[in-house]
Amino acid sequence: MIRRLATRAVRALGAAATLAAVLAATGGAAMAQNVDLVVTLVAGQPAYMAQDSEHYVVTISNNGPATATNVALVVTHPLANLPFEASATCQPVSGPNPNGAATCPPGSATAPSPAFTRSGSSFSVTIPSIPSQSMVRIEFDNASRCEREGGQGGSAGECFLPNGNFTLTADASSPQTDTDPSTNRATTNIFIYPPDSQYRIRVTSAPASALPGDVVDYEFEVYSVGLNPSHLLRLSAELRGLAGNMTPMSASNAPFGANSSTLPATRLLSIDCLAMSLGSYPPSQVFPASPNP
């Protein structure tokens, strides 16, 4: 019986020694720790009118055990207006942050910040550090750009506002191994309504009659009565004299029939514009040269 106890003691001691050796070997090797970035992207509202100011919030949290460093964030807006990255800011989210608060790039708390760089319809920023259980918040604004006729290189005189459903994306990555890369991208959809631009025109001053050689003035007003303003408004005016007995009407001198002018060599001498909110515009900068008689 004494031998058996001794044998068991030796065996138990051997097992403990083996276990200690295994623990020592395991403890001697460095255990790699991973990060787990989770991205969210939220629009201020689900729909906007064309060219309204849009507001967005992106958050990046780290649910992994290790600190995420040099976290690259890329935000893409298919209707990004230049320069929408100039509105972006970065702030660490306040809270318990047991491992310390996240670190945003220097100067990125206020806009504009050089930390945000533009490339096409995207902007990017690098977050220096997001410790475990910490979060950063990026906010930015945008107004849908006005597409030129024939694309961005088209006519400078006309543009067309987009409307419909559009998808924004936000992608984050870091040099550290991410345990769940599927949470590194967030998307949101917004609907852009066509602009409500409506106008009313009223003639405020016009001569009752005119004789050959008279210089007469015409005044008319254009009112914007829609919900949205219009850019690059095309405005045309056509002056037609009433029919009279000064000259017999014919197809050659009265192309508009009874509403034609019978005064020969009539020409436009000058035209100017006064905007109630923008002030006076020099005619030479707004209107083309008057046509020859």
Protein backbone atom coordinates (compact mmCIF):
# COMPACT_ATOMS: atom_id res chain seq x y z
CA MET A 1 0.00 0.00 0.00
CA ILE A 2 2.88 2.31 0.71
CA ARG A 3 4.32 1.60 -2.72
CA ARG A 4 1.07 2.39 -4.45
CA LEU A 5 0.78 5.74 -2.66
CA ALA A 6 4.32 6.58 -3.58
CA THR A 7 3.74 5.60 -7.18
CA ARG A 8 0.62 7.72 -7.37
CA ALA A 9 2.45 10.65 -5.82
CA VAL A 10 5.20 10.34 -8.38
CA ARG A 11 2.70 10.11 -11.22
CA ALA A 12 0.80 13.16 -9.95
CA LEU A 13 4.02 15.06 -9.62
CA GLY A 14 4.96 14.09 -13.15
CA ALA A 15 1.61 15.30 -14.48
CA ALA A 16 2.02 18.60 -12.66
CA ALA A 17 5.49 19.00 -14.07
CA THR A 18 4.24 18.27 -17.56
CA LEU A 19 1.39 20.79 -17.16
CA ALA A 20 3.81 23.39 -15.86
CA ALA A 21 6.01 22.84 -18.86
CA VAL A 22 3.08 23.29 -21.21
CA LEU A 23 1.97 26.47 -19.45
CA ALA A 24 5.48 27.83 -19.54
CA ALA A 25 5.74 27.10 -23.25
CA THR A 26 2.37 28.75 -23.95
CA GLY A 27 3.12 31.77 -21.80
CA GLY A 28 6.41 32.27 -23.54
CA ALA A 29 4.74 32.82 -26.96
CA ALA A 30 3.19 36.28 -27.78
CA MET A 31 -0.60 36.03 -28.31
CA ALA A 32 -1.78 38.22 -31.25
CA GLN A 33 -4.78 40.45 -30.46
CA ASN A 34 -7.25 41.57 -33.09
CA VAL A 35 -9.52 44.55 -33.68
CA ASP A 36 -13.18 44.58 -34.67
CA LEU A 37 -14.20 47.78 -36.44
CA VAL A 38 -17.92 48.53 -36.76
CA VAL A 39 -19.02 51.36 -39.11
CA THR A 40 -22.39 53.12 -39.20
CA LEU A 41 -23.60 55.76 -41.69
CA VAL A 42 -26.79 57.72 -41.02
CA ALA A 43 -28.43 60.49 -43.08
CA GLY A 44 -30.11 63.41 -41.37
CA GLN A 45 -33.34 62.49 -43.18
CA PRO A 46 -34.34 59.85 -45.76
CA ALA A 47 -35.13 62.31 -48.56
CA TYR A 48 -34.03 65.77 -49.71
CA MET A 49 -35.03 68.24 -52.37
CA ALA A 50 -32.43 68.73 -55.07
CA GLN A 51 -29.68 71.13 -53.91
CA ASP A 52 -30.94 71.11 -50.31
CA SER A 53 -28.24 70.87 -47.63
CA GLU A 54 -27.78 67.21 -46.63
CA HIS A 55 -26.27 66.12 -43.30
CA TYR A 56 -24.57 62.79 -42.52
CA VAL A 57 -22.97 61.10 -39.50
CA VAL A 58 -20.41 58.27 -39.65
CA THR A 59 -19.27 56.40 -36.52
CA ILE A 60 -16.42 53.90 -36.18
CA SER A 61 -16.27 51.78 -33.02
CA ASN A 62 -13.72 49.14 -32.05
CA ASN A 63 -15.19 46.07 -30.37
CA GLY A 64 -11.96 44.07 -30.48
CA PRO A 65 -9.43 43.64 -27.65
CA ALA A 66 -6.58 45.50 -29.39
CA THR A 67 -6.20 49.18 -30.27
CA ALA A 68 -6.85 49.99 -33.92
CA THR A 69 -4.27 52.39 -35.32
CA ASN A 70 -4.11 54.33 -38.59
CA VAL A 71 -7.74 53.59 -39.35
CA ALA A 72 -8.49 54.68 -42.92
CA LEU A 73 -12.03 55.87 -43.61
CA VAL A 74 -13.34 56.46 -47.16
CA VAL A 75 -16.79 58.03 -47.66
CA THR A 76 -18.36 58.00 -51.12
CA HIS A 77 -21.33 60.15 -52.21
CA PRO A 78 -22.42 59.67 -55.85
CA LEU A 79 -23.66 63.28 -55.96
CA ALA A 80 -20.76 64.80 -54.02
CA ASN A 81 -20.45 68.51 -54.57
CA LEU A 82 -17.14 70.33 -54.55
CA PRO A 83 -15.84 70.68 -51.95
CA PHE A 84 -18.05 68.55 -49.64
CA GLU A 85 -15.00 67.31 -47.73
CA ALA A 86 -14.48 70.88 -46.47
CA SER A 87 -17.51 70.42 -44.17
CA ALA A 88 -16.21 67.22 -42.50
CA THR A 89 -15.20 67.07 -38.83
CA CYS A 90 -13.95 64.30 -36.49
CA GLN A 91 -14.67 63.98 -32.77
CA PRO A 92 -13.99 61.18 -30.24
CA VAL A 93 -17.29 60.01 -28.71
CA SER A 94 -17.48 60.75 -25.01
CA GLY A 95 -18.21 57.87 -22.63
CA PRO A 96 -16.53 55.49 -20.18
CA ASN A 97 -13.84 54.47 -22.69
CA PRO A 98 -12.12 52.01 -20.29
CA ASN A 99 -9.08 51.86 -22.57
CA GLY A 100 -8.89 55.57 -23.35
CA ALA A 101 -10.62 57.83 -25.84
CA ALA A 102 -10.07 57.64 -29.58
CA THR A 103 -7.70 60.11 -31.22
CA CYS A 104 -8.76 62.20 -34.23
CA PRO A 105 -6.29 63.91 -36.60
CA PRO A 106 -4.99 67.26 -35.34
CA GLY A 107 -7.24 70.15 -36.35
CA SER A 108 -10.08 67.89 -37.54
CA ALA A 109 -12.52 69.01 -34.85
CA THR A 110 -13.43 72.08 -36.91
CA ALA A 111 -14.05 72.48 -40.62
CA PRO A 112 -12.41 72.90 -43.00
CA SER A 113 -9.58 70.55 -42.07
CA PRO A 114 -6.69 69.36 -44.28
CA ALA A 115 -7.08 65.93 -42.66
CA PHE A 116 -9.93 65.24 -45.08
CA THR A 117 -8.79 64.82 -48.68
CA ARG A 118 -10.92 64.59 -51.82
CA SER A 119 -10.71 62.10 -54.70
CA GLY A 120 -13.55 62.13 -57.21
CA SER A 121 -16.85 61.60 -55.39
CA SER A 122 -15.10 60.39 -52.18
CA PHE A 123 -13.18 61.86 -49.28
CA SER A 124 -10.79 60.04 -46.96
CA VAL A 125 -9.33 60.56 -43.50
CA THR A 126 -6.93 58.55 -41.31
CA ILE A 127 -7.85 58.14 -37.62
CA PRO A 128 -4.62 57.76 -35.56
CA SER A 129 -6.07 55.55 -32.81
CA ILE A 130 -9.31 53.86 -31.72
CA PRO A 131 -8.73 51.84 -28.51
CA SER A 132 -10.87 48.86 -27.60
CA GLN A 133 -14.47 49.85 -26.73
CA SER A 134 -13.96 53.40 -28.07
CA MET A 135 -15.61 55.30 -30.94
CA VAL A 136 -15.13 58.29 -33.27
CA ARG A 137 -17.82 60.39 -34.95
CA ILE A 138 -17.38 62.01 -38.39
CA GLU A 139 -19.97 64.50 -39.65
CA PHE A 140 -20.25 66.14 -43.06
CA ASP A 141 -22.70 67.99 -45.31
CA ASN A 142 -23.43 67.98 -49.02
CA ALA A 143 -25.68 69.55 -51.65
CA SER A 144 -26.35 67.59 -54.84
CA ARG A 145 -24.30 68.97 -57.69
CA CYS A 146 -25.89 70.35 -60.85
CA GLU A 147 -24.85 68.22 -63.82
CA ARG A 148 -23.72 70.16 -66.89
CA GLU A 149 -25.40 69.46 -70.17
CA GLY A 150 -23.40 66.67 -71.78
CA GLY A 151 -21.54 65.91 -68.53
CA GLN A 152 -19.14 67.94 -66.41
CA GLY A 153 -17.41 69.26 -69.52
CA GLY A 154 -20.67 70.36 -71.13
CA SER A 155 -22.23 73.76 -71.64
CA ALA A 156 -21.57 76.35 -68.95
CA GLY A 157 -25.00 77.85 -69.50
CA GLU A 158 -27.22 74.94 -68.49
CA CYS A 159 -27.23 72.19 -65.89
CA PHE A 160 -29.63 69.49 -64.80
CA LEU A 161 -30.35 68.51 -61.21
CA PRO A 162 -30.37 64.77 -60.48
CA ASN A 163 -33.31 63.06 -58.81
CA GLY A 164 -34.07 59.52 -57.66
CA ASN A 165 -32.52 57.06 -55.21
CA PHE A 166 -28.78 57.20 -54.43
CA THR A 167 -26.54 55.06 -52.17
CA LEU A 168 -23.72 56.40 -49.98
CA THR A 169 -20.97 54.17 -48.55
CA ALA A 170 -18.45 54.43 -45.71
CA ASP A 171 -15.51 51.97 -45.54
CA ALA A 172 -12.97 51.61 -42.72
CA SER A 173 -9.80 49.53 -42.49
CA SER A 174 -6.70 49.27 -40.29
CA PRO A 175 -3.32 47.46 -40.46
CA GLN A 176 -4.43 45.16 -37.63
CA THR A 177 -6.30 41.90 -38.29
CA ASP A 178 -10.07 42.44 -38.10
CA THR A 179 -12.11 39.59 -36.64
CA ASP A 180 -15.23 40.52 -38.63
CA PRO A 181 -14.53 42.52 -41.83
CA SER A 182 -18.23 42.41 -42.77
CA THR A 183 -18.89 45.27 -40.33
CA ASN A 184 -16.23 47.52 -41.90
CA ARG A 185 -18.68 48.93 -44.48
CA ALA A 186 -21.90 50.86 -43.96
CA THR A 187 -24.37 52.16 -46.54
CA THR A 188 -27.38 54.43 -46.54
CA ASN A 189 -29.89 55.37 -49.22
CA ILE A 190 -31.37 58.81 -49.82
CA PHE A 191 -34.03 59.93 -52.25
CA ILE A 192 -33.55 63.23 -54.09
CA TYR A 193 -36.75 64.94 -55.21
CA PRO A 194 -36.73 67.15 -58.32
CA PRO A 195 -36.56 70.86 -57.48
CA ASP A 196 -39.77 72.83 -57.28
CA SER A 197 -38.84 75.90 -59.32
CA GLN A 198 -41.78 78.02 -60.46
CA TYR A 199 -41.84 81.55 -61.82
CA ARG A 200 -44.38 84.27 -62.54
CA ILE A 201 -43.74 87.16 -64.96
CA ARG A 202 -45.53 90.49 -64.83
CA VAL A 203 -45.14 93.49 -67.14
CA THR A 204 -44.99 96.58 -64.91
CA SER A 205 -44.34 99.34 -67.44
CA ALA A 206 -44.84 99.60 -71.21
CA PRO A 207 -45.63 102.52 -73.54
CA ALA A 208 -49.13 102.72 -74.97
CA SER A 209 -47.73 103.80 -78.34
CA ALA A 210 -44.49 104.84 -80.00
CA LEU A 211 -43.47 106.77 -83.08
CA PRO A 212 -40.53 106.10 -85.39
CA GLY A 213 -37.33 107.31 -83.72
CA ASP A 214 -38.80 107.16 -80.17
CA VAL A 215 -36.76 105.49 -77.41
CA VAL A 216 -39.14 103.65 -75.12
CA ASP A 217 -38.71 101.69 -71.92
CA TYR A 218 -40.25 98.37 -70.96
CA GLU A 219 -40.18 96.91 -67.47
CA PHE A 220 -41.21 93.47 -66.31
CA GLU A 221 -40.69 91.48 -63.12
CA VAL A 222 -39.94 87.81 -62.62
CA TYR A 223 -41.04 86.24 -59.31
CA SER A 224 -39.83 82.94 -57.91
CA VAL A 225 -42.84 81.23 -56.34
CA GLY A 226 -41.52 77.64 -56.01
CA LEU A 227 -39.94 75.91 -53.03
CA ASN A 228 -36.46 75.93 -54.57
CA PRO A 229 -34.36 78.58 -56.27
CA SER A 230 -33.09 78.11 -59.79
CA HIS A 231 -29.55 78.61 -60.99
CA LEU A 232 -28.65 79.72 -64.49
CA LEU A 233 -32.22 80.77 -65.28
CA ARG A 234 -32.73 81.31 -69.00
CA LEU A 235 -34.93 84.34 -69.64
CA SER A 236 -36.03 85.62 -73.06
CA ALA A 237 -38.18 88.61 -73.97
CA GLU A 238 -39.83 89.28 -77.31
CA LEU A 239 -41.30 92.72 -78.01
CA ARG A 240 -44.16 92.88 -80.50
CA GLY A 241 -45.97 96.08 -81.48
CA LEU A 242 -49.73 96.13 -82.00
CA ALA A 243 -51.06 96.26 -85.54
CA GLY A 244 -51.70 99.73 -86.89
CA ASN A 245 -52.32 101.60 -90.11
CA MET A 246 -48.82 103.06 -90.48
CA THR A 247 -47.67 100.41 -92.94
CA PRO A 248 -49.78 97.88 -94.80
CA MET A 249 -49.33 94.39 -93.30
CA SER A 250 -47.70 91.73 -95.44
CA ALA A 251 -45.97 88.39 -94.96
CA SER A 252 -42.58 90.08 -95.32
CA ASN A 253 -43.03 92.85 -92.73
CA ALA A 254 -45.44 91.10 -90.35
CA PRO A 255 -44.15 87.60 -89.62
CA PHE A 256 -46.26 87.42 -86.45
CA GLY A 257 -49.48 88.57 -88.08
CA ALA A 258 -51.68 91.01 -86.17
CA ASN A 259 -49.24 91.09 -83.22
CA SER A 260 -46.28 92.23 -85.30
CA SER A 261 -44.48 95.56 -85.23
CA THR A 262 -44.57 97.66 -88.37
CA LEU A 263 -41.74 99.96 -87.28
CA PRO A 264 -38.70 99.38 -89.51
CA ALA A 265 -35.15 99.22 -88.13
CA THR A 266 -36.34 98.69 -84.55
CA ARG A 267 -33.50 97.59 -82.32
CA LEU A 268 -32.71 96.94 -78.67
CA LEU A 269 -30.56 99.74 -77.26
CA SER A 270 -29.86 98.47 -73.73
CA ILE A 271 -31.09 96.12 -71.06
CA ASP A 272 -30.31 95.87 -67.38
CA CYS A 273 -31.38 93.75 -64.42
CA LEU A 274 -32.04 94.52 -60.75
CA ALA A 275 -32.34 91.58 -58.35
CA MET A 276 -34.11 92.23 -55.06
CA SER A 277 -31.63 90.08 -53.12
CA LEU A 278 -28.51 90.27 -55.29
CA GLY A 279 -28.47 93.91 -56.36
CA SER A 280 -27.67 95.42 -59.75
CA TYR A 281 -25.93 93.47 -62.48
CA PRO A 282 -23.79 95.31 -65.04
CA PRO A 283 -25.42 94.63 -68.42
CA SER A 284 -22.06 93.87 -70.06
CA GLN A 285 -21.52 90.93 -67.72
CA VAL A 286 -25.00 89.42 -67.89
CA PHE A 287 -26.54 90.19 -71.26
CA PRO A 288 -25.04 89.69 -74.71
CA ALA A 289 -24.42 92.62 -76.98
CA SER A 290 -27.53 94.13 -78.57
CA PRO A 291 -28.25 92.79 -82.09
CA ASN A 292 -27.71 94.99 -85.10
CA PRO A 293 -30.80 96.68 -86.55
